[in-house]
Amino acid sequence: MNQFCDWLYLNYAAPRFDEEAMPVSYQYQKQEWLTYAQTLPNRERLLSLDLLNNLKDCWGAQAFAYGLQAGVLLALEILPDGPISPEAQ
């Protein structure tokens, strides 16, 4: 990512991943899952944690990219007909 995207992520997206700021229902479900995960054999527990963290990272990056793209489009004041390059005007 370029410096601007890094700054946006660090100042706007990353703070939203704070576990303590998540809704109580999320915290309850996470605790419930972690309790259940303790009953799994080590290999399955590690695999499930890796898969969950991978999904969280992928979806977080995807959501950030969509938000950044939407912000850029709004900042460009796209006309209803779609983007028009300066050369086409």
N, C-alpha and C. Protein backbone atom coordinates (compact mmCIF):
# COMPACT_ATOMS: atom_id res chain seq x y z
N MET A 1 0.85 -1.19 0.00
CA MET A 1 0.00 0.00 0.00
C MET A 1 0.89 1.24 0.00
N ASN A 2 0.36 2.30 -0.57
CA ASN A 2 1.13 3.53 -0.53
C ASN A 2 0.97 4.20 0.84
N GLN A 3 1.69 5.26 1.07
CA GLN A 3 1.69 5.90 2.40
C GLN A 3 0.31 6.41 2.79
N PHE A 4 -0.45 6.94 1.84
CA PHE A 4 -1.78 7.45 2.16
C PHE A 4 -2.70 6.33 2.62
N CYS A 5 -2.68 5.20 1.90
CA CYS A 5 -3.51 4.05 2.30
C CYS A 5 -3.07 3.51 3.65
N ASP A 6 -1.76 3.46 3.88
CA ASP A 6 -1.26 3.03 5.19
C ASP A 6 -1.79 3.93 6.29
N TRP A 7 -1.73 5.24 6.05
CA TRP A 7 -2.21 6.20 7.06
C TRP A 7 -3.70 6.02 7.31
N LEU A 8 -4.48 5.88 6.23
CA LEU A 8 -5.92 5.66 6.38
C LEU A 8 -6.20 4.41 7.19
N TYR A 9 -5.50 3.33 6.87
CA TYR A 9 -5.73 2.08 7.59
C TYR A 9 -5.38 2.23 9.06
N LEU A 10 -4.21 2.78 9.35
CA LEU A 10 -3.77 2.91 10.75
C LEU A 10 -4.67 3.84 11.56
N ASN A 11 -5.22 4.87 10.93
CA ASN A 11 -6.00 5.85 11.67
C ASN A 11 -7.50 5.59 11.68
N TYR A 12 -8.01 4.84 10.73
CA TYR A 12 -9.45 4.62 10.66
C TYR A 12 -9.86 3.14 10.76
N ALA A 13 -9.18 2.26 10.03
CA ALA A 13 -9.61 0.86 10.02
C ALA A 13 -9.08 0.08 11.21
N ALA A 14 -7.80 0.19 11.49
CA ALA A 14 -7.19 -0.60 12.56
C ALA A 14 -7.85 -0.39 13.93
N PRO A 15 -8.18 0.85 14.31
CA PRO A 15 -8.83 1.01 15.62
C PRO A 15 -10.17 0.28 15.73
N ARG A 16 -10.83 0.04 14.62
CA ARG A 16 -12.12 -0.66 14.64
C ARG A 16 -11.97 -2.15 14.88
N PHE A 17 -10.75 -2.66 14.76
CA PHE A 17 -10.50 -4.08 15.02
C PHE A 17 -10.19 -4.33 16.49
N ASP A 18 -10.30 -3.32 17.32
CA ASP A 18 -10.06 -3.47 18.75
C ASP A 18 -11.11 -4.41 19.32
N GLU A 19 -10.68 -5.53 19.87
CA GLU A 19 -11.60 -6.55 20.36
C GLU A 19 -12.52 -6.02 21.46
N GLU A 20 -12.02 -5.13 22.30
CA GLU A 20 -12.83 -4.61 23.40
C GLU A 20 -13.93 -3.67 22.92
N ALA A 21 -13.77 -3.10 21.71
CA ALA A 21 -14.77 -2.18 21.18
C ALA A 21 -15.88 -2.92 20.42
N MET A 22 -15.73 -4.22 20.26
CA MET A 22 -16.73 -5.00 19.54
C MET A 22 -17.99 -5.15 20.39
N PRO A 23 -19.14 -5.38 19.74
CA PRO A 23 -20.39 -5.56 20.49
C PRO A 23 -20.31 -6.74 21.46
N VAL A 24 -21.13 -6.67 22.49
CA VAL A 24 -21.15 -7.72 23.50
C VAL A 24 -21.51 -9.07 22.88
N SER A 25 -22.41 -9.08 21.91
CA SER A 25 -22.80 -10.34 21.28
C SER A 25 -21.61 -11.00 20.59
N TYR A 26 -20.75 -10.18 19.96
CA TYR A 26 -19.54 -10.72 19.32
C TYR A 26 -18.61 -11.30 20.37
N GLN A 27 -18.41 -10.56 21.45
CA GLN A 27 -17.51 -11.02 22.50
C GLN A 27 -18.02 -12.32 23.12
N TYR A 28 -19.33 -12.42 23.30
CA TYR A 28 -19.92 -13.63 23.86
C TYR A 28 -19.70 -14.82 22.92
N GLN A 29 -19.97 -14.62 21.63
CA GLN A 29 -19.80 -15.70 20.66
C GLN A 29 -18.33 -16.12 20.55
N LYS A 30 -17.45 -15.14 20.59
CA LYS A 30 -16.02 -15.46 20.52
C LYS A 30 -15.61 -16.29 21.72
N GLN A 31 -16.04 -15.89 22.91
CA GLN A 31 -15.70 -16.63 24.12
C GLN A 31 -16.30 -18.05 24.07
N GLU A 32 -17.52 -18.15 23.57
CA GLU A 32 -18.17 -19.45 23.44
C GLU A 32 -17.37 -20.35 22.49
N TRP A 33 -16.91 -19.79 21.38
CA TRP A 33 -16.13 -20.57 20.43
C TRP A 33 -14.79 -20.96 21.02
N LEU A 34 -14.12 -20.03 21.71
CA LEU A 34 -12.82 -20.35 22.31
C LEU A 34 -12.95 -21.46 23.35
N THR A 35 -14.03 -21.44 24.10
CA THR A 35 -14.28 -22.50 25.08
C THR A 35 -14.44 -23.84 24.37
N TYR A 36 -15.21 -23.84 23.28
CA TYR A 36 -15.39 -25.06 22.51
C TYR A 36 -14.07 -25.51 21.88
N ALA A 37 -13.28 -24.57 21.38
CA ALA A 37 -12.01 -24.91 20.72
C ALA A 37 -11.07 -25.63 21.68
N GLN A 38 -11.18 -25.36 22.97
CA GLN A 38 -10.32 -26.03 23.94
C GLN A 38 -10.57 -27.53 23.99
N THR A 39 -11.74 -27.95 23.52
CA THR A 39 -12.06 -29.39 23.52
C THR A 39 -11.51 -30.09 22.29
N LEU A 40 -11.05 -29.34 21.30
CA LEU A 40 -10.52 -29.94 20.08
C LEU A 40 -9.08 -30.42 20.29
N PRO A 41 -8.67 -31.43 19.54
CA PRO A 41 -7.25 -31.82 19.57
C PRO A 41 -6.39 -30.65 19.07
N ASN A 42 -5.13 -30.62 19.46
CA ASN A 42 -4.24 -29.50 19.14
C ASN A 42 -4.21 -29.15 17.66
N ARG A 43 -4.10 -30.17 16.80
CA ARG A 43 -3.99 -29.89 15.36
C ARG A 43 -5.24 -29.19 14.84
N GLU A 44 -6.43 -29.69 15.20
CA GLU A 44 -7.67 -29.10 14.74
C GLU A 44 -7.87 -27.70 15.33
N ARG A 45 -7.47 -27.51 16.57
CA ARG A 45 -7.59 -26.19 17.20
C ARG A 45 -6.72 -25.18 16.46
N LEU A 46 -5.48 -25.56 16.18
CA LEU A 46 -4.58 -24.66 15.47
C LEU A 46 -5.10 -24.36 14.07
N LEU A 47 -5.56 -25.39 13.38
CA LEU A 47 -6.10 -25.20 12.03
C LEU A 47 -7.31 -24.27 12.05
N SER A 48 -8.22 -24.47 13.00
CA SER A 48 -9.42 -23.62 13.04
C SER A 48 -9.06 -22.18 13.39
N LEU A 49 -8.12 -21.98 14.29
CA LEU A 49 -7.70 -20.61 14.61
C LEU A 49 -7.05 -19.94 13.41
N ASP A 50 -6.21 -20.68 12.69
CA ASP A 50 -5.58 -20.13 11.49
C ASP A 50 -6.62 -19.76 10.43
N LEU A 51 -7.59 -20.63 10.23
CA LEU A 51 -8.63 -20.36 9.24
C LEU A 51 -9.46 -19.13 9.63
N LEU A 52 -9.84 -19.04 10.89
CA LEU A 52 -10.63 -17.89 11.34
C LEU A 52 -9.85 -16.59 11.21
N ASN A 53 -8.58 -16.60 11.60
CA ASN A 53 -7.77 -15.39 11.48
C ASN A 53 -7.54 -15.02 10.02
N ASN A 54 -7.37 -16.01 9.16
CA ASN A 54 -7.21 -15.75 7.74
C ASN A 54 -8.47 -15.11 7.16
N LEU A 55 -9.65 -15.65 7.52
CA LEU A 55 -10.91 -15.07 7.05
C LEU A 55 -11.06 -13.63 7.53
N LYS A 56 -10.74 -13.40 8.80
CA LYS A 56 -10.86 -12.05 9.35
C LYS A 56 -9.94 -11.08 8.61
N ASP A 57 -8.71 -11.51 8.36
CA ASP A 57 -7.76 -10.65 7.64
C ASP A 57 -8.21 -10.39 6.21
N CYS A 58 -8.66 -11.44 5.52
CA CYS A 58 -9.10 -11.27 4.12
C CYS A 58 -10.33 -10.37 4.03
N TRP A 59 -11.34 -10.63 4.87
CA TRP A 59 -12.55 -9.82 4.82
C TRP A 59 -12.27 -8.39 5.27
N GLY A 60 -11.39 -8.22 6.25
CA GLY A 60 -11.04 -6.88 6.69
C GLY A 60 -10.35 -6.08 5.59
N ALA A 61 -9.41 -6.73 4.90
CA ALA A 61 -8.72 -6.05 3.80
C ALA A 61 -9.68 -5.74 2.66
N GLN A 62 -10.59 -6.68 2.38
CA GLN A 62 -11.56 -6.47 1.30
C GLN A 62 -12.50 -5.31 1.63
N ALA A 63 -13.00 -5.29 2.87
CA ALA A 63 -13.90 -4.21 3.27
C ALA A 63 -13.18 -2.87 3.24
N PHE A 64 -11.93 -2.84 3.67
CA PHE A 64 -11.15 -1.61 3.63
C PHE A 64 -10.97 -1.14 2.19
N ALA A 65 -10.66 -2.07 1.28
CA ALA A 65 -10.46 -1.71 -0.12
C ALA A 65 -11.75 -1.16 -0.73
N TYR A 66 -12.89 -1.79 -0.44
CA TYR A 66 -14.17 -1.28 -0.96
C TYR A 66 -14.47 0.11 -0.40
N GLY A 67 -14.21 0.30 0.87
CA GLY A 67 -14.45 1.61 1.47
C GLY A 67 -13.55 2.68 0.87
N LEU A 68 -12.30 2.33 0.64
CA LEU A 68 -11.36 3.27 0.03
C LEU A 68 -11.79 3.60 -1.39
N GLN A 69 -12.21 2.59 -2.14
CA GLN A 69 -12.67 2.83 -3.51
C GLN A 69 -13.91 3.72 -3.53
N ALA A 70 -14.84 3.46 -2.63
CA ALA A 70 -16.05 4.29 -2.58
C ALA A 70 -15.70 5.73 -2.21
N GLY A 71 -14.79 5.90 -1.28
CA GLY A 71 -14.37 7.25 -0.89
C GLY A 71 -13.71 8.00 -2.04
N VAL A 72 -12.88 7.31 -2.79
CA VAL A 72 -12.21 7.95 -3.93
C VAL A 72 -13.25 8.35 -4.98
N LEU A 73 -14.21 7.47 -5.25
CA LEU A 73 -15.25 7.80 -6.24
C LEU A 73 -16.08 8.99 -5.78
N LEU A 74 -16.40 9.04 -4.50
CA LEU A 74 -17.16 10.19 -3.98
C LEU A 74 -16.33 11.48 -4.05
N ALA A 75 -15.05 11.36 -3.78
CA ALA A 75 -14.17 12.53 -3.81
C ALA A 75 -14.03 13.08 -5.23
N LEU A 76 -14.15 12.20 -6.22
CA LEU A 76 -14.03 12.64 -7.62
C LEU A 76 -15.32 13.24 -8.16
N GLU A 77 -16.38 13.20 -7.36
CA GLU A 77 -17.69 13.72 -7.78
C GLU A 77 -18.11 13.14 -9.13
N ILE A 78 -18.24 11.83 -9.14
CA ILE A 78 -18.62 11.13 -10.36
C ILE A 78 -20.03 11.56 -10.77
N LEU A 79 -20.20 11.84 -12.05
CA LEU A 79 -21.50 12.20 -12.59
C LEU A 79 -22.38 10.96 -12.67
N PRO A 80 -23.72 11.13 -12.73
CA PRO A 80 -24.62 9.96 -12.82
C PRO A 80 -24.33 9.07 -14.03
N ASP A 81 -23.78 9.65 -15.11
CA ASP A 81 -23.49 8.86 -16.32
C ASP A 81 -22.24 8.02 -16.17
N GLY A 82 -21.48 8.22 -15.10
CA GLY A 82 -20.24 7.48 -14.89
C GLY A 82 -19.05 8.41 -14.96
N PRO A 83 -17.87 7.86 -14.75
CA PRO A 83 -16.67 8.70 -14.76
C PRO A 83 -16.36 9.25 -16.15
N ILE A 84 -15.95 10.46 -16.19
CA ILE A 84 -15.58 11.10 -17.43
C ILE A 84 -14.17 11.64 -17.25
N SER A 85 -13.26 11.19 -18.09
CA SER A 85 -11.88 11.64 -17.99
C SER A 85 -11.78 13.08 -18.50
N PRO A 86 -10.79 13.83 -18.02
CA PRO A 86 -10.61 15.21 -18.51
C PRO A 86 -10.41 15.27 -20.02
N GLU A 87 -9.79 14.22 -20.59
CA GLU A 87 -9.55 14.19 -22.03
C GLU A 87 -10.86 14.07 -22.81
N ALA A 88 -11.86 13.41 -22.23
CA ALA A 88 -13.12 13.19 -22.92
C ALA A 88 -14.04 14.38 -22.87
N GLN A 89 -13.77 15.32 -21.97
CA GLN A 89 -14.67 16.47 -21.83
C GLN A 89 -14.47 17.44 -22.91
